[in-house]
Amino acid sequence: MTLGFQSMNNEKLRAARMLSEKSILPFLAVVEREADVVAKVEVSIIESGCKLPVVQGGGATDVTAEADVRVSLKETGVDRRYRFKVECRLSGIEGDTGYSGFSMRGTVSIDDEKVVLLGRTNKYNVWGWPAEFSV
């Protein structure tokens, strides 16, 4: 379903890609090393109940886990700067840790090419999505 994205501006897509490159994917790389997994990753923008993939990738052959990352971007009142919330659910991590993913929040500025992370929380045994991230 893509109807909700017809009016999405390219700035949000750029912000989501920048956020992915500077914060989400580097943290997922740390998780992969610590858990000894290779994850197939999909990062999507969630808006108006729709999901638009912006980054897809991961290990081509040895995939042992999957990361579904959902991003919410809200305008801040400053041009080309957004507040973000991220929710990630990871499946395929073995062991009894119950690690299920993480959340992040902060700001992303396209002009400065800067991501400011204000908080990150690891999640354990949380498999559902908050209402804002449900599709």
Protein backbone atom coordinates (compact mmCIF):
# COMPACT_ATOMS: atom_id res chain seq x y z
CA MET A 1 0.00 0.00 0.00
CA THR A 2 1.68 3.22 -1.14
CA LEU A 3 -1.14 5.75 -1.38
CA GLY A 4 -0.12 7.43 1.87
CA PHE A 5 3.29 8.23 0.41
CA GLN A 6 2.26 10.11 -2.70
CA SER A 7 2.62 13.38 -0.81
CA MET A 8 5.77 12.39 1.13
CA ASN A 9 8.56 14.77 0.30
CA ASN A 10 12.04 13.72 -0.70
CA GLU A 11 13.40 15.44 2.41
CA LYS A 12 11.88 12.77 4.66
CA LEU A 13 13.39 10.06 2.51
CA ARG A 14 16.80 11.75 2.71
CA ALA A 15 16.42 12.13 6.48
CA ALA A 16 15.51 8.44 6.88
CA ARG A 17 18.45 7.32 4.75
CA MET A 18 20.83 9.57 6.70
CA LEU A 19 19.46 8.26 9.99
CA SER A 20 19.94 4.70 8.74
CA GLU A 21 23.54 5.27 7.66
CA LYS A 22 24.65 7.26 10.71
CA SER A 23 22.81 5.56 13.58
CA ILE A 24 20.63 2.55 12.83
CA LEU A 25 22.94 0.43 10.67
CA PRO A 26 26.08 1.05 12.79
CA PHE A 27 24.19 -0.03 15.92
CA LEU A 28 22.79 -3.09 14.16
CA ALA A 29 26.38 -4.00 13.18
CA VAL A 30 27.31 -3.98 16.87
CA VAL A 31 24.33 -6.21 17.71
CA GLU A 32 25.28 -8.60 14.91
CA ARG A 33 28.85 -8.92 16.23
CA GLU A 34 27.74 -9.40 19.83
CA ALA A 35 25.06 -11.95 18.95
CA ASP A 36 27.18 -13.62 16.26
CA VAL A 37 24.46 -13.29 13.61
CA VAL A 38 24.11 -11.85 10.12
CA ALA A 39 20.87 -9.93 9.74
CA LYS A 40 18.71 -9.19 6.76
CA VAL A 41 17.69 -5.57 7.39
CA GLU A 42 14.72 -3.53 6.23
CA VAL A 43 14.40 0.09 7.36
CA SER A 44 11.03 1.69 6.58
CA ILE A 45 9.28 4.99 7.17
CA ILE A 46 5.90 4.62 8.83
CA GLU A 47 3.40 7.32 7.94
CA SER A 48 -0.41 7.37 7.82
CA GLY A 49 -0.54 3.65 8.58
CA CYS A 50 1.66 2.80 5.58
CA LYS A 51 5.17 1.38 5.41
CA LEU A 52 7.72 2.60 2.83
CA PRO A 53 11.04 0.73 2.67
CA VAL A 54 14.01 3.09 2.38
CA VAL A 55 16.97 0.77 3.09
CA GLN A 56 17.17 -2.96 2.48
CA GLY A 57 20.19 -5.16 2.82
CA GLY A 58 22.16 -7.54 4.92
CA GLY A 59 24.21 -10.65 4.51
CA ALA A 60 23.76 -12.11 1.06
CA THR A 61 24.33 -15.74 2.00
CA ASP A 62 24.70 -16.36 5.72
CA VAL A 63 21.57 -14.61 6.99
CA THR A 64 20.63 -15.97 10.41
CA ALA A 65 18.45 -13.12 11.71
CA GLU A 66 16.01 -10.48 10.48
CA ALA A 67 15.75 -6.85 11.55
CA ASP A 68 12.52 -4.96 10.86
CA VAL A 69 13.27 -1.30 11.58
CA ARG A 70 10.49 1.28 11.50
CA VAL A 71 11.08 5.04 11.54
CA SER A 72 8.68 7.84 12.42
CA LEU A 73 9.72 11.35 11.34
CA LYS A 74 8.01 14.55 12.54
CA GLU A 75 8.76 18.12 11.53
CA THR A 76 10.41 20.31 14.16
CA GLY A 77 9.51 23.74 12.80
CA VAL A 78 13.07 24.17 11.53
CA ASP A 79 13.46 23.58 7.80
CA ARG A 80 14.98 20.21 6.91
CA ARG A 81 15.20 19.04 10.53
CA TYR A 82 13.08 16.21 11.93
CA ARG A 83 12.43 14.53 15.25
CA PHE A 84 12.65 10.79 14.90
CA LYS A 85 11.55 7.69 16.73
CA VAL A 86 12.83 4.26 15.73
CA GLU A 87 11.57 0.82 16.70
CA CYS A 88 13.45 -2.33 15.69
CA ARG A 89 12.40 -5.94 16.11
CA LEU A 90 15.02 -8.64 15.63
CA SER A 91 14.19 -12.27 15.08
CA GLY A 92 16.56 -15.19 14.83
CA ILE A 93 18.88 -14.42 17.74
CA GLU A 94 19.42 -17.69 19.53
CA GLY A 95 19.94 -18.13 23.21
CA ASP A 96 17.88 -17.33 26.23
CA THR A 97 18.58 -13.59 26.45
CA GLY A 98 15.15 -12.64 25.09
CA TYR A 99 16.74 -9.75 23.18
CA SER A 100 14.12 -8.54 20.74
CA GLY A 101 15.45 -5.22 19.44
CA PHE A 102 15.74 -1.58 20.39
CA SER A 103 14.21 1.86 20.18
CA MET A 104 15.90 5.20 19.47
CA ARG A 105 14.86 8.82 19.47
CA GLY A 106 16.49 12.09 18.52
CA THR A 107 16.81 14.60 15.70
CA VAL A 108 18.17 14.50 12.17
CA SER A 109 19.26 17.61 10.27
CA ILE A 110 19.67 17.33 6.52
CA ASP A 111 21.59 20.62 6.12
CA ASP A 112 24.16 19.73 8.80
CA GLU A 113 24.11 16.03 7.86
CA LYS A 114 23.87 15.43 11.58
CA VAL A 115 22.00 12.89 13.67
CA VAL A 116 21.62 13.64 17.37
CA LEU A 117 20.70 10.56 19.35
CA LEU A 118 18.81 11.53 22.51
CA GLY A 119 18.15 8.01 23.74
CA ARG A 120 18.33 4.33 22.93
CA THR A 121 16.63 1.49 24.80
CA ASN A 122 17.29 -2.20 24.33
CA LYS A 123 14.16 -4.35 24.26
CA TYR A 124 13.74 -7.81 25.72
CA ASN A 125 10.77 -10.07 24.97
CA VAL A 126 8.90 -7.22 23.29
CA TRP A 127 7.60 -8.54 19.99
CA GLY A 128 4.64 -6.29 19.25
CA TRP A 129 4.69 -2.79 17.81
CA PRO A 130 3.55 0.42 19.51
CA ALA A 131 0.45 1.86 17.83
CA GLU A 132 2.47 4.57 16.06
CA PHE A 133 4.52 1.87 14.29
CA SER A 134 1.76 -0.59 13.42
CA VAL A 135 0.81 -1.12 9.81
